[in-house]
Amino acid sequence: MHTEYQRPAADCAVEHEIEIKRSRFICLIGRVTNDVEAREFIDAARQRFPDARHHCSAYIYHVDESHPVERSSDDGEPSGTAGKPMLDVLKGSGLMDVAAVVIRYFGGVKLGAGGLVHAYGGVVSEAMELVQPVLRTTRHLFTLAAPHADAGRWEAELRNRGYEVLGVDYAAQATMTLAVATGEEEALFDFIAGLTQATAEPKEAGTQWVEIAQSN
């Protein structure tokens, strides 16, 4: 049960390949948020590499107010030699909402159980180093009503101060939706009081998941 965690960026499409004793191991990494998306990701890998002997997989995704869902498949490899080491790497990365598929083209030389564990875990570990993470976290939302004549300036000042402006709804007044982290509410109120000369104040609007870019 997490209030924030790292996940791959929405456009994640990592592909990485290694060769061990003439066997090719091609790892694909993508973002998934449920079983349906995970199955679609795995099926797409099967369709792309239909002649491969194995399409082993692992994924883990966040569930609000519950424990993460974890799944893995050896897809015909000896039990515990592919899916589990792949899943162990995903869990060890600290990321969620992530799926890995490793396509194996057999090279004619058996690797043994230890060799398979090393190969499947290794290619996923190398591929995960290429994933660009984002931070998914909860933010408190507030709305701020502004006269149209002041809306642009207020929005610019808020952004310049580092506050997240999620959007502006233009109706009779311009209503901005702001997102702030826990503990930053009082500073926001003080800044808005000065910005608007105490003519406007933010109103609570619940909470929302947001994504923040992270360095790898």
N, C-alpha and C. Protein backbone atom coordinates (compact mmCIF):
# COMPACT_ATOMS: atom_id res chain seq x y z
N MET A 1 0.85 -1.19 0.00
CA MET A 1 0.00 0.00 0.00
C MET A 1 0.89 1.24 0.00
N HIS A 2 0.94 1.92 -1.11
CA HIS A 2 1.87 3.01 -1.30
C HIS A 2 1.13 4.32 -1.59
N THR A 3 1.68 5.43 -1.07
CA THR A 3 1.16 6.75 -1.42
C THR A 3 2.02 7.39 -2.51
N GLU A 4 3.19 6.82 -2.77
CA GLU A 4 3.98 7.23 -3.91
C GLU A 4 4.95 6.12 -4.28
N TYR A 5 5.29 6.06 -5.53
CA TYR A 5 6.22 5.03 -6.00
C TYR A 5 6.72 5.43 -7.39
N GLN A 6 7.77 4.76 -7.83
CA GLN A 6 8.30 5.00 -9.16
C GLN A 6 7.74 3.99 -10.15
N ARG A 7 7.56 4.45 -11.39
CA ARG A 7 7.07 3.59 -12.46
C ARG A 7 7.76 4.03 -13.75
N PRO A 8 7.75 3.20 -14.79
CA PRO A 8 8.32 3.65 -16.06
C PRO A 8 7.52 4.81 -16.63
N ALA A 9 8.16 5.65 -17.40
CA ALA A 9 7.45 6.73 -18.09
C ALA A 9 6.41 6.13 -19.03
N ALA A 10 5.39 6.91 -19.34
CA ALA A 10 4.26 6.40 -20.12
C ALA A 10 4.68 5.86 -21.48
N ASP A 11 5.71 6.44 -22.08
CA ASP A 11 6.14 6.03 -23.40
C ASP A 11 7.26 5.00 -23.37
N CYS A 12 7.43 4.34 -22.23
CA CYS A 12 8.51 3.36 -22.08
C CYS A 12 8.40 2.26 -23.14
N ALA A 13 9.50 2.02 -23.86
CA ALA A 13 9.55 0.97 -24.87
C ALA A 13 10.99 0.48 -24.99
N VAL A 14 11.49 -0.12 -23.93
CA VAL A 14 12.89 -0.56 -23.87
C VAL A 14 13.04 -1.93 -24.52
N GLU A 15 14.09 -2.08 -25.30
CA GLU A 15 14.45 -3.38 -25.88
C GLU A 15 15.95 -3.58 -25.71
N HIS A 16 16.33 -4.75 -25.20
CA HIS A 16 17.75 -5.03 -24.95
C HIS A 16 18.01 -6.51 -25.21
N GLU A 17 19.14 -6.81 -25.83
CA GLU A 17 19.44 -8.20 -26.20
C GLU A 17 20.83 -8.60 -25.75
N ILE A 18 20.95 -9.85 -25.29
CA ILE A 18 22.25 -10.44 -25.00
C ILE A 18 22.31 -11.81 -25.67
N GLU A 19 23.51 -12.33 -25.83
CA GLU A 19 23.70 -13.68 -26.39
C GLU A 19 24.59 -14.48 -25.46
N ILE A 20 24.13 -15.68 -25.12
CA ILE A 20 24.90 -16.58 -24.25
C ILE A 20 24.92 -17.96 -24.89
N LYS A 21 26.11 -18.41 -25.24
CA LYS A 21 26.29 -19.73 -25.85
C LYS A 21 25.32 -19.92 -27.02
N ARG A 22 25.28 -18.93 -27.86
CA ARG A 22 24.50 -18.91 -29.10
C ARG A 22 22.99 -18.78 -28.88
N SER A 23 22.53 -18.76 -27.64
CA SER A 23 21.12 -18.47 -27.37
C SER A 23 20.94 -16.96 -27.28
N ARG A 24 19.92 -16.45 -27.97
CA ARG A 24 19.61 -15.02 -27.93
C ARG A 24 18.51 -14.78 -26.89
N PHE A 25 18.72 -13.78 -26.05
CA PHE A 25 17.73 -13.38 -25.05
C PHE A 25 17.38 -11.92 -25.32
N ILE A 26 16.15 -11.68 -25.75
CA ILE A 26 15.69 -10.33 -26.10
C ILE A 26 14.68 -9.89 -25.04
N CYS A 27 15.00 -8.82 -24.34
CA CYS A 27 14.13 -8.34 -23.25
C CYS A 27 13.37 -7.09 -23.69
N LEU A 28 12.08 -7.11 -23.50
CA LEU A 28 11.21 -5.96 -23.74
C LEU A 28 10.65 -5.49 -22.40
N ILE A 29 10.70 -4.19 -22.16
CA ILE A 29 10.17 -3.60 -20.93
C ILE A 29 9.09 -2.58 -21.31
N GLY A 30 7.96 -2.61 -20.62
CA GLY A 30 6.91 -1.64 -20.86
C GLY A 30 6.14 -1.34 -19.59
N ARG A 31 5.26 -0.36 -19.67
CA ARG A 31 4.44 0.02 -18.51
C ARG A 31 3.07 -0.62 -18.62
N VAL A 32 2.63 -1.25 -17.53
CA VAL A 32 1.30 -1.84 -17.46
C VAL A 32 0.71 -1.50 -16.11
N THR A 33 -0.61 -1.35 -16.06
CA THR A 33 -1.27 -0.98 -14.80
C THR A 33 -2.34 -1.98 -14.37
N ASN A 34 -2.52 -3.05 -15.14
CA ASN A 34 -3.48 -4.08 -14.76
C ASN A 34 -3.18 -5.36 -15.54
N ASP A 35 -3.94 -6.44 -15.24
CA ASP A 35 -3.70 -7.71 -15.90
C ASP A 35 -3.97 -7.65 -17.39
N VAL A 36 -5.00 -6.91 -17.78
CA VAL A 36 -5.34 -6.82 -19.20
C VAL A 36 -4.19 -6.21 -19.99
N GLU A 37 -3.64 -5.09 -19.49
CA GLU A 37 -2.53 -4.46 -20.18
C GLU A 37 -1.30 -5.37 -20.20
N ALA A 38 -1.08 -6.11 -19.11
CA ALA A 38 0.06 -7.02 -19.06
C ALA A 38 -0.09 -8.13 -20.10
N ARG A 39 -1.27 -8.71 -20.20
CA ARG A 39 -1.49 -9.76 -21.19
C ARG A 39 -1.33 -9.23 -22.61
N GLU A 40 -1.79 -8.02 -22.84
CA GLU A 40 -1.65 -7.42 -24.17
C GLU A 40 -0.17 -7.21 -24.51
N PHE A 41 0.61 -6.80 -23.52
CA PHE A 41 2.04 -6.58 -23.73
C PHE A 41 2.73 -7.90 -24.06
N ILE A 42 2.38 -8.94 -23.31
CA ILE A 42 2.98 -10.26 -23.54
C ILE A 42 2.54 -10.82 -24.90
N ASP A 43 1.26 -10.68 -25.23
CA ASP A 43 0.75 -11.17 -26.51
C ASP A 43 1.42 -10.45 -27.69
N ALA A 44 1.66 -9.15 -27.52
CA ALA A 44 2.32 -8.39 -28.58
C ALA A 44 3.74 -8.91 -28.82
N ALA A 45 4.41 -9.31 -27.74
CA ALA A 45 5.76 -9.88 -27.88
C ALA A 45 5.70 -11.22 -28.61
N ARG A 46 4.71 -12.02 -28.30
CA ARG A 46 4.55 -13.32 -28.99
C ARG A 46 4.29 -13.11 -30.49
N GLN A 47 3.48 -12.13 -30.81
CA GLN A 47 3.17 -11.87 -32.21
C GLN A 47 4.38 -11.31 -32.95
N ARG A 48 5.18 -10.55 -32.26
CA ARG A 48 6.36 -9.96 -32.90
C ARG A 48 7.46 -11.00 -33.12
N PHE A 49 7.57 -11.96 -32.20
CA PHE A 49 8.60 -13.00 -32.30
C PHE A 49 7.93 -14.38 -32.27
N PRO A 50 7.13 -14.70 -33.27
CA PRO A 50 6.34 -15.94 -33.23
C PRO A 50 7.16 -17.21 -33.33
N ASP A 51 8.38 -17.13 -33.86
CA ASP A 51 9.19 -18.32 -34.06
C ASP A 51 10.13 -18.61 -32.89
N ALA A 52 10.07 -17.80 -31.83
CA ALA A 52 10.93 -18.04 -30.66
C ALA A 52 10.40 -19.21 -29.85
N ARG A 53 11.31 -19.89 -29.17
CA ARG A 53 10.91 -21.05 -28.37
C ARG A 53 10.21 -20.65 -27.08
N HIS A 54 10.66 -19.57 -26.47
CA HIS A 54 10.11 -19.16 -25.17
C HIS A 54 9.81 -17.66 -25.16
N HIS A 55 8.71 -17.30 -24.50
CA HIS A 55 8.34 -15.90 -24.26
C HIS A 55 8.04 -15.78 -22.77
N CYS A 56 9.08 -15.73 -21.97
CA CYS A 56 8.93 -15.70 -20.52
C CYS A 56 8.57 -14.28 -20.06
N SER A 57 7.86 -14.17 -18.95
CA SER A 57 7.34 -12.86 -18.57
C SER A 57 7.26 -12.68 -17.06
N ALA A 58 7.24 -11.42 -16.67
CA ALA A 58 7.03 -11.04 -15.27
C ALA A 58 6.49 -9.62 -15.24
N TYR A 59 5.63 -9.35 -14.29
CA TYR A 59 5.15 -7.98 -14.15
C TYR A 59 4.67 -7.74 -12.73
N ILE A 60 4.65 -6.46 -12.38
CA ILE A 60 4.19 -6.03 -11.06
C ILE A 60 3.50 -4.68 -11.23
N TYR A 61 2.31 -4.55 -10.64
CA TYR A 61 1.62 -3.26 -10.75
C TYR A 61 0.94 -2.89 -9.44
N HIS A 62 0.81 -1.59 -9.24
CA HIS A 62 0.21 -1.02 -8.03
C HIS A 62 -1.31 -1.17 -8.05
N VAL A 63 -1.88 -1.40 -6.86
CA VAL A 63 -3.32 -1.41 -6.67
C VAL A 63 -3.63 -0.48 -5.50
N ASP A 64 -4.50 0.51 -5.72
CA ASP A 64 -4.83 1.45 -4.66
C ASP A 64 -5.36 0.72 -3.44
N GLU A 65 -4.86 1.10 -2.26
CA GLU A 65 -5.31 0.58 -0.97
C GLU A 65 -5.21 -0.94 -0.89
N SER A 66 -4.22 -1.50 -1.55
CA SER A 66 -4.00 -2.94 -1.49
C SER A 66 -2.53 -3.21 -1.78
N HIS A 67 -2.18 -4.50 -1.79
CA HIS A 67 -0.81 -4.87 -2.09
C HIS A 67 -0.61 -4.96 -3.60
N PRO A 68 0.61 -4.77 -4.07
CA PRO A 68 0.86 -4.88 -5.50
C PRO A 68 0.54 -6.28 -6.02
N VAL A 69 0.17 -6.36 -7.28
CA VAL A 69 -0.05 -7.63 -7.95
C VAL A 69 1.25 -8.03 -8.64
N GLU A 70 1.67 -9.28 -8.44
CA GLU A 70 2.90 -9.79 -9.04
C GLU A 70 2.59 -11.08 -9.79
N ARG A 71 3.08 -11.21 -11.01
CA ARG A 71 2.87 -12.42 -11.80
C ARG A 71 4.15 -12.74 -12.57
N SER A 72 4.37 -14.01 -12.85
CA SER A 72 5.50 -14.41 -13.69
C SER A 72 5.19 -15.73 -14.36
N SER A 73 5.89 -15.99 -15.48
CA SER A 73 5.70 -17.22 -16.24
C SER A 73 7.03 -17.70 -16.80
N ASP A 74 7.29 -19.01 -16.64
CA ASP A 74 8.50 -19.62 -17.21
C ASP A 74 8.30 -20.01 -18.68
N ASP A 75 7.07 -20.07 -19.12
CA ASP A 75 6.73 -20.38 -20.51
C ASP A 75 7.56 -21.54 -21.08
N GLY A 76 7.56 -22.64 -20.38
CA GLY A 76 8.21 -23.84 -20.89
C GLY A 76 9.64 -24.06 -20.43
N GLU A 77 10.27 -23.03 -19.86
CA GLU A 77 11.59 -23.24 -19.27
C GLU A 77 11.42 -24.00 -17.95
N PRO A 78 12.47 -24.66 -17.46
CA PRO A 78 12.36 -25.36 -16.17
C PRO A 78 11.83 -24.44 -15.07
N SER A 79 10.98 -24.98 -14.22
CA SER A 79 10.31 -24.18 -13.20
C SER A 79 11.30 -23.36 -12.37
N GLY A 80 11.00 -22.07 -12.26
CA GLY A 80 11.79 -21.19 -11.42
C GLY A 80 13.05 -20.63 -12.06
N THR A 81 13.30 -20.96 -13.33
CA THR A 81 14.55 -20.52 -13.96
C THR A 81 14.40 -19.25 -14.80
N ALA A 82 13.18 -18.80 -15.03
CA ALA A 82 12.98 -17.65 -15.91
C ALA A 82 12.08 -16.59 -15.27
N GLY A 83 10.80 -16.91 -15.08
CA GLY A 83 9.86 -15.93 -14.57
C GLY A 83 10.24 -15.39 -13.21
N LYS A 84 10.64 -16.27 -12.29
CA LYS A 84 10.97 -15.82 -10.94
C LYS A 84 12.19 -14.90 -10.91
N PRO A 85 13.31 -15.26 -11.54
CA PRO A 85 14.43 -14.31 -11.53
C PRO A 85 14.10 -13.00 -12.23
N MET A 86 13.25 -13.05 -13.24
CA MET A 86 12.82 -11.81 -13.89
C MET A 86 12.03 -10.95 -12.92
N LEU A 87 11.07 -11.58 -12.21
CA LEU A 87 10.25 -10.84 -11.25
C LEU A 87 11.11 -10.30 -10.11
N ASP A 88 12.11 -11.08 -9.68
CA ASP A 88 12.99 -10.61 -8.60
C ASP A 88 13.71 -9.33 -9.00
N VAL A 89 14.11 -9.25 -10.27
CA VAL A 89 14.78 -8.03 -10.74
C VAL A 89 13.81 -6.85 -10.74
N LEU A 90 12.59 -7.08 -11.22
CA LEU A 90 11.60 -6.00 -11.23
C LEU A 90 11.34 -5.50 -9.81
N LYS A 91 11.17 -6.43 -8.87
CA LYS A 91 10.92 -6.03 -7.49
C LYS A 91 12.12 -5.30 -6.90
N GLY A 92 13.31 -5.78 -7.23
CA GLY A 92 14.51 -5.15 -6.71
C GLY A 92 14.76 -3.76 -7.25
N SER A 93 14.18 -3.46 -8.41
CA SER A 93 14.36 -2.13 -9.01
C SER A 93 13.61 -1.04 -8.24
N GLY A 94 12.59 -1.45 -7.47
CA GLY A 94 11.77 -0.47 -6.77
C GLY A 94 10.66 0.11 -7.60
N LEU A 95 10.60 -0.24 -8.89
CA LEU A 95 9.54 0.26 -9.77
C LEU A 95 8.33 -0.65 -9.71
N MET A 96 7.17 -0.07 -9.95
CA MET A 96 5.94 -0.85 -10.16
C MET A 96 5.31 -0.41 -11.47
N ASP A 97 4.20 -1.04 -11.82
CA ASP A 97 3.53 -0.78 -13.10
C ASP A 97 4.48 -1.09 -14.25
N VAL A 98 5.23 -2.18 -14.12
CA VAL A 98 6.25 -2.52 -15.10
C VAL A 98 6.14 -3.99 -15.48
N ALA A 99 6.33 -4.28 -16.76
CA ALA A 99 6.31 -5.65 -17.26
C ALA A 99 7.57 -5.91 -18.07
N ALA A 100 8.03 -7.16 -18.00
CA ALA A 100 9.19 -7.59 -18.78
C ALA A 100 8.84 -8.88 -19.50
N VAL A 101 9.20 -8.96 -20.76
CA VAL A 101 9.09 -10.20 -21.53
C VAL A 101 10.48 -10.50 -22.08
N VAL A 102 10.93 -11.74 -21.88
CA VAL A 102 12.21 -12.16 -22.46
C VAL A 102 11.94 -13.24 -23.50
N ILE A 103 12.32 -12.95 -24.72
CA ILE A 103 12.17 -13.88 -25.83
C ILE A 103 13.49 -14.63 -25.99
N ARG A 104 13.41 -15.97 -25.98
CA ARG A 104 14.64 -16.75 -26.13
C ARG A 104 14.62 -17.54 -27.43
N TYR A 105 15.69 -17.36 -28.19
CA TYR A 105 15.96 -18.21 -29.35
C TYR A 105 17.06 -19.18 -28.95
N PHE A 106 16.73 -20.46 -28.85
CA PHE A 106 17.66 -21.48 -28.38
C PHE A 106 18.82 -21.65 -29.37
N GLY A 107 20.04 -21.66 -28.82
CA GLY A 107 21.22 -21.73 -29.67
C GLY A 107 21.82 -23.11 -29.80
N GLY A 108 21.17 -24.12 -29.20
CA GLY A 108 21.66 -25.48 -29.34
C GLY A 108 22.49 -25.97 -28.19
N VAL A 109 22.83 -25.09 -27.26
CA VAL A 109 23.63 -25.47 -26.09
C VAL A 109 22.81 -25.26 -24.83
N LYS A 110 22.60 -26.33 -24.07
CA LYS A 110 21.84 -26.19 -22.83
C LYS A 110 22.65 -25.41 -21.80
N LEU A 111 21.96 -24.53 -21.08
CA LEU A 111 22.63 -23.66 -20.12
C LEU A 111 22.54 -24.17 -18.69
N GLY A 112 21.65 -25.12 -18.43
CA GLY A 112 21.45 -25.58 -17.06
C GLY A 112 20.63 -24.59 -16.27
N ALA A 113 20.12 -25.04 -15.13
CA ALA A 113 19.23 -24.19 -14.33
C ALA A 113 19.92 -22.90 -13.90
N GLY A 114 21.14 -23.01 -13.39
CA GLY A 114 21.85 -21.82 -12.95
C GLY A 114 22.14 -20.86 -14.08
N GLY A 115 22.47 -21.40 -15.24
CA GLY A 115 22.75 -20.56 -16.39
C GLY A 115 21.51 -19.82 -16.86
N LEU A 116 20.36 -20.50 -16.81
CA LEU A 116 19.11 -19.85 -17.21
C LEU A 116 18.74 -18.73 -16.26
N VAL A 117 18.85 -19.00 -14.97
CA VAL A 117 18.55 -17.97 -13.97
C VAL A 117 19.43 -16.74 -14.21
N HIS A 118 20.70 -16.98 -14.45
CA HIS A 118 21.64 -15.88 -14.69
C HIS A 118 21.28 -15.12 -15.96
N ALA A 119 20.92 -15.87 -17.01
CA ALA A 119 20.62 -15.23 -18.29
C ALA A 119 19.34 -14.40 -18.22
N TYR A 120 18.26 -14.99 -17.70
CA TYR A 120 16.99 -14.27 -17.66
C TYR A 120 17.05 -13.09 -16.69
N GLY A 121 17.62 -13.31 -15.52
CA GLY A 121 17.75 -12.20 -14.58
C GLY A 121 18.69 -11.13 -15.09
N GLY A 122 19.76 -11.58 -15.76
CA GLY A 122 20.76 -10.64 -16.23
C GLY A 122 20.26 -9.72 -17.33
N VAL A 123 19.54 -10.28 -18.30
CA VAL A 123 19.08 -9.44 -19.41
C VAL A 123 18.02 -8.45 -18.93
N VAL A 124 17.18 -8.86 -17.97
CA VAL A 124 16.19 -7.92 -17.43
C VAL A 124 16.88 -6.83 -16.62
N SER A 125 17.89 -7.21 -15.84
CA SER A 125 18.62 -6.22 -15.06
C SER A 125 19.27 -5.17 -15.95
N GLU A 126 19.89 -5.61 -17.05
CA GLU A 126 20.51 -4.66 -17.97
C GLU A 126 19.46 -3.78 -18.65
N ALA A 127 18.33 -4.39 -19.01
CA ALA A 127 17.27 -3.61 -19.67
C ALA A 127 16.68 -2.57 -18.73
N MET A 128 16.53 -2.90 -17.46
CA MET A 128 15.93 -1.97 -16.50
C MET A 128 16.79 -0.73 -16.31
N GLU A 129 18.09 -0.85 -16.57
CA GLU A 129 18.96 0.32 -16.46
C GLU A 129 18.64 1.36 -17.53
N LEU A 130 17.93 0.94 -18.57
CA LEU A 130 17.58 1.84 -19.67
C LEU A 130 16.20 2.49 -19.47
N VAL A 131 15.49 2.10 -18.43
CA VAL A 131 14.13 2.61 -18.19
C VAL A 131 14.20 4.00 -17.57
N GLN A 132 13.44 4.93 -18.14
CA GLN A 132 13.33 6.27 -17.57
C GLN A 132 12.18 6.28 -16.57
N PRO A 133 12.46 6.47 -15.28
CA PRO A 133 11.38 6.42 -14.29
C PRO A 133 10.69 7.77 -14.09
N VAL A 134 9.45 7.69 -13.63
CA VAL A 134 8.74 8.86 -13.15
C VAL A 134 8.23 8.54 -11.74
N LEU A 135 8.03 9.57 -10.95
CA LEU A 135 7.48 9.39 -9.61
C LEU A 135 5.98 9.59 -9.67
N ARG A 136 5.23 8.58 -9.25
CA ARG A 136 3.78 8.71 -9.14
C ARG A 136 3.46 8.95 -7.67
N THR A 137 2.84 10.07 -7.40
CA THR A 137 2.60 10.45 -6.00
C THR A 137 1.25 11.14 -5.88
N THR A 138 0.73 11.19 -4.67
CA THR A 138 -0.54 11.89 -4.44
C THR A 138 -0.27 13.35 -4.13
N ARG A 139 -1.15 14.19 -4.62
CA ARG A 139 -1.08 15.62 -4.35
C ARG A 139 -2.45 16.10 -3.88
N HIS A 140 -2.43 17.07 -2.97
CA HIS A 140 -3.66 17.71 -2.53
C HIS A 140 -4.07 18.74 -3.59
N LEU A 141 -5.33 18.73 -3.96
CA LEU A 141 -5.82 19.65 -4.98
C LEU A 141 -6.56 20.82 -4.36
N PHE A 142 -6.36 21.97 -4.95
CA PHE A 142 -7.07 23.18 -4.55
C PHE A 142 -7.49 23.93 -5.81
N THR A 143 -8.64 24.57 -5.75
CA THR A 143 -9.06 25.43 -6.86
C THR A 143 -8.94 26.88 -6.42
N LEU A 144 -8.62 27.71 -7.39
CA LEU A 144 -8.48 29.14 -7.13
C LEU A 144 -9.21 29.90 -8.23
N ALA A 145 -10.25 30.65 -7.85
CA ALA A 145 -11.02 31.44 -8.81
C ALA A 145 -10.35 32.79 -9.00
N ALA A 146 -10.19 33.18 -10.27
CA ALA A 146 -9.51 34.44 -10.58
C ALA A 146 -10.30 35.23 -11.60
N PRO A 147 -10.34 36.56 -11.48
CA PRO A 147 -10.90 37.37 -12.56
C PRO A 147 -10.10 37.14 -13.84
N HIS A 148 -10.77 37.17 -14.97
CA HIS A 148 -10.08 36.91 -16.24
C HIS A 148 -8.88 37.85 -16.44
N ALA A 149 -9.01 39.06 -15.99
CA ALA A 149 -7.94 40.04 -16.19
C ALA A 149 -6.68 39.68 -15.41
N ASP A 150 -6.84 38.91 -14.32
CA ASP A 150 -5.69 38.56 -13.47
C ASP A 150 -5.22 37.12 -13.67
N ALA A 151 -6.02 36.30 -14.34
CA ALA A 151 -5.75 34.86 -14.38
C ALA A 151 -4.37 34.54 -14.95
N GLY A 152 -4.02 35.16 -16.07
CA GLY A 152 -2.74 34.86 -16.70
C GLY A 152 -1.56 35.19 -15.81
N ARG A 153 -1.63 36.35 -15.17
CA ARG A 153 -0.53 36.76 -14.30
C ARG A 153 -0.44 35.86 -13.08
N TRP A 154 -1.59 35.55 -12.46
CA TRP A 154 -1.58 34.67 -11.29
C TRP A 154 -1.01 33.30 -11.64
N GLU A 155 -1.44 32.77 -12.77
CA GLU A 155 -0.96 31.45 -13.17
C GLU A 155 0.56 31.47 -13.37
N ALA A 156 1.05 32.52 -14.06
CA ALA A 156 2.48 32.63 -14.30
C ALA A 156 3.26 32.73 -13.00
N GLU A 157 2.77 33.51 -12.06
CA GLU A 157 3.45 33.67 -10.78
C GLU A 157 3.47 32.36 -10.00
N LEU A 158 2.36 31.65 -10.03
CA LEU A 158 2.31 30.36 -9.33
C LEU A 158 3.30 29.37 -9.94
N ARG A 159 3.34 29.29 -11.25
CA ARG A 159 4.27 28.38 -11.91
C ARG A 159 5.72 28.78 -11.64
N ASN A 160 5.99 30.08 -11.68
CA ASN A 160 7.35 30.55 -11.41
C ASN A 160 7.80 30.22 -10.00
N ARG A 161 6.84 30.16 -9.08
CA ARG A 161 7.16 29.83 -7.69
C ARG A 161 7.33 28.31 -7.51
N GLY A 162 7.02 27.55 -8.54
CA GLY A 162 7.20 26.10 -8.46
C GLY A 162 5.94 25.32 -8.17
N TYR A 163 4.79 25.97 -8.14
CA TYR A 163 3.54 25.25 -7.88
C TYR A 163 3.02 24.62 -9.16
N GLU A 164 2.39 23.44 -9.01
CA GLU A 164 1.84 22.73 -10.14
C GLU A 164 0.44 23.25 -10.45
N VAL A 165 0.26 23.80 -11.63
CA VAL A 165 -1.06 24.23 -12.10
C VAL A 165 -1.53 23.17 -13.09
N LEU A 166 -2.52 22.37 -12.68
CA LEU A 166 -2.94 21.25 -13.51
C LEU A 166 -3.82 21.68 -14.67
N GLY A 167 -4.46 22.81 -14.52
CA GLY A 167 -5.33 23.28 -15.60
C GLY A 167 -6.07 24.53 -15.19
N VAL A 168 -6.66 25.20 -16.18
CA VAL A 168 -7.44 26.41 -15.94
C VAL A 168 -8.76 26.27 -16.70
N ASP A 169 -9.88 26.44 -15.99
CA ASP A 169 -11.22 26.35 -16.59
C ASP A 169 -11.76 27.77 -16.72
N TYR A 170 -12.00 28.19 -17.96
CA TYR A 170 -12.47 29.55 -18.20
C TYR A 170 -13.99 29.55 -18.33
N ALA A 171 -14.64 30.15 -17.35
CA ALA A 171 -16.10 30.30 -17.37
C ALA A 171 -16.39 31.75 -16.96
N ALA A 172 -17.34 31.95 -16.05
CA ALA A 172 -17.59 33.31 -15.59
C ALA A 172 -16.32 33.88 -14.97
N GLN A 173 -15.58 33.02 -14.27
CA GLN A 173 -14.25 33.35 -13.79
C GLN A 173 -13.28 32.28 -14.30
N ALA A 174 -12.02 32.54 -14.20
CA ALA A 174 -11.01 31.53 -14.53
C ALA A 174 -10.71 30.75 -13.25
N THR A 175 -10.92 29.44 -13.29
CA THR A 175 -10.68 28.61 -12.11
C THR A 175 -9.49 27.70 -12.34
N MET A 176 -8.44 27.95 -11.56
CA MET A 176 -7.23 27.14 -11.66
C MET A 176 -7.30 25.97 -10.70
N THR A 177 -6.76 24.84 -11.12
CA THR A 177 -6.62 23.69 -10.23
C THR A 177 -5.14 23.53 -9.90
N LEU A 178 -4.82 23.57 -8.62
CA LEU A 178 -3.44 23.51 -8.14
C LEU A 178 -3.21 22.20 -7.40
N ALA A 179 -2.00 21.68 -7.50
CA ALA A 179 -1.64 20.45 -6.79
C ALA A 179 -0.42 20.72 -5.93
N VAL A 180 -0.50 20.37 -4.63
CA VAL A 180 0.62 20.59 -3.72
C VAL A 180 0.85 19.35 -2.88
N ALA A 181 2.09 19.17 -2.47
CA ALA A 181 2.44 18.04 -1.62
C ALA A 181 2.00 18.30 -0.19
N THR A 182 1.85 17.22 0.56
CA THR A 182 1.50 17.34 1.98
C THR A 182 2.54 18.17 2.71
N GLY A 183 2.07 19.13 3.48
CA GLY A 183 2.96 20.00 4.23
C GLY A 183 3.23 21.32 3.55
N GLU A 184 2.83 21.44 2.27
CA GLU A 184 3.07 22.68 1.54
C GLU A 184 1.83 23.57 1.45
N GLU A 185 0.74 23.13 2.09
CA GLU A 185 -0.52 23.86 1.95
C GLU A 185 -0.44 25.27 2.53
N GLU A 186 0.14 25.39 3.72
CA GLU A 186 0.18 26.70 4.37
C GLU A 186 1.00 27.69 3.56
N ALA A 187 2.11 27.22 3.00
CA ALA A 187 2.94 28.10 2.18
C ALA A 187 2.17 28.56 0.94
N LEU A 188 1.38 27.65 0.36
CA LEU A 188 0.55 28.02 -0.79
C LEU A 188 -0.46 29.10 -0.41
N PHE A 189 -1.13 28.91 0.73
CA PHE A 189 -2.13 29.89 1.17
C PHE A 189 -1.50 31.26 1.36
N ASP A 190 -0.31 31.28 1.98
CA ASP A 190 0.36 32.56 2.23
C ASP A 190 0.76 33.22 0.91
N PHE A 191 1.25 32.41 -0.03
CA PHE A 191 1.66 32.98 -1.31
C PHE A 191 0.46 33.54 -2.06
N ILE A 192 -0.64 32.82 -2.05
CA ILE A 192 -1.84 33.29 -2.75
C ILE A 192 -2.40 34.55 -2.10
N ALA A 193 -2.32 34.62 -0.78
CA ALA A 193 -2.81 35.82 -0.09
C ALA A 193 -2.03 37.05 -0.54
N GLY A 194 -0.71 36.90 -0.67
CA GLY A 194 0.09 38.02 -1.14
C GLY A 194 -0.13 38.30 -2.62
N LEU A 195 -0.24 37.25 -3.41
CA LEU A 195 -0.41 37.40 -4.85
C LEU A 195 -1.71 38.12 -5.20
N THR A 196 -2.77 37.78 -4.46
CA THR A 196 -4.10 38.32 -4.78
C THR A 196 -4.51 39.48 -3.89
N GLN A 197 -3.57 39.89 -3.02
CA GLN A 197 -3.87 40.93 -2.03
C GLN A 197 -5.09 40.54 -1.20
N ALA A 198 -5.13 39.27 -0.86
CA ALA A 198 -6.18 38.69 -0.02
C ALA A 198 -7.58 38.80 -0.61
N THR A 199 -7.66 38.91 -1.93
CA THR A 199 -8.97 38.97 -2.57
C THR A 199 -9.49 37.60 -2.99
N ALA A 200 -8.64 36.57 -2.89
CA ALA A 200 -9.06 35.22 -3.27
C ALA A 200 -8.35 34.22 -2.38
N GLU A 201 -8.97 33.08 -2.18
CA GLU A 201 -8.34 32.03 -1.38
C GLU A 201 -8.66 30.68 -2.00
N PRO A 202 -7.74 29.73 -1.91
CA PRO A 202 -7.94 28.42 -2.51
C PRO A 202 -8.97 27.60 -1.75
N LYS A 203 -9.64 26.73 -2.48
CA LYS A 203 -10.62 25.82 -1.87
C LYS A 203 -10.19 24.38 -2.11
N GLU A 204 -10.36 23.53 -1.08
CA GLU A 204 -9.96 22.14 -1.19
C GLU A 204 -10.76 21.43 -2.28
N ALA A 205 -10.07 20.53 -3.01
CA ALA A 205 -10.72 19.81 -4.11
C ALA A 205 -10.29 18.34 -4.15
N GLY A 206 -9.92 17.80 -2.98
CA GLY A 206 -9.59 16.37 -2.90
C GLY A 206 -8.13 16.08 -3.17
N THR A 207 -7.85 14.86 -3.59
CA THR A 207 -6.49 14.44 -3.90
C THR A 207 -6.46 13.77 -5.27
N GLN A 208 -5.26 13.66 -5.83
CA GLN A 208 -5.12 13.07 -7.16
C GLN A 208 -3.71 12.54 -7.34
N TRP A 209 -3.60 11.44 -8.07
CA TRP A 209 -2.28 10.95 -8.46
C TRP A 209 -1.70 11.86 -9.54
N VAL A 210 -0.42 12.17 -9.42
CA VAL A 210 0.29 12.93 -10.44
C VAL A 210 1.62 12.26 -10.70
N GLU A 211 2.23 12.57 -11.85
CA GLU A 211 3.54 12.02 -12.19
C GLU A 211 4.56 13.14 -12.28
N ILE A 212 5.75 12.87 -11.75
CA ILE A 212 6.84 13.84 -11.74
C ILE A 212 8.06 13.18 -12.33
N ALA A 213 8.68 13.82 -13.30
CA ALA A 213 9.85 13.25 -13.97
C ALA A 213 10.97 13.05 -12.95
N GLN A 214 11.71 11.94 -13.12
CA GLN A 214 12.81 11.60 -12.23
C GLN A 214 14.06 11.35 -13.07
N SER A 215 15.21 11.54 -12.44
CA SER A 215 16.45 11.16 -13.12
C SER A 215 16.65 9.68 -12.93
N ASN A 216 17.30 9.06 -13.88
CA ASN A 216 17.49 7.61 -13.82
C ASN A 216 18.59 7.24 -12.83
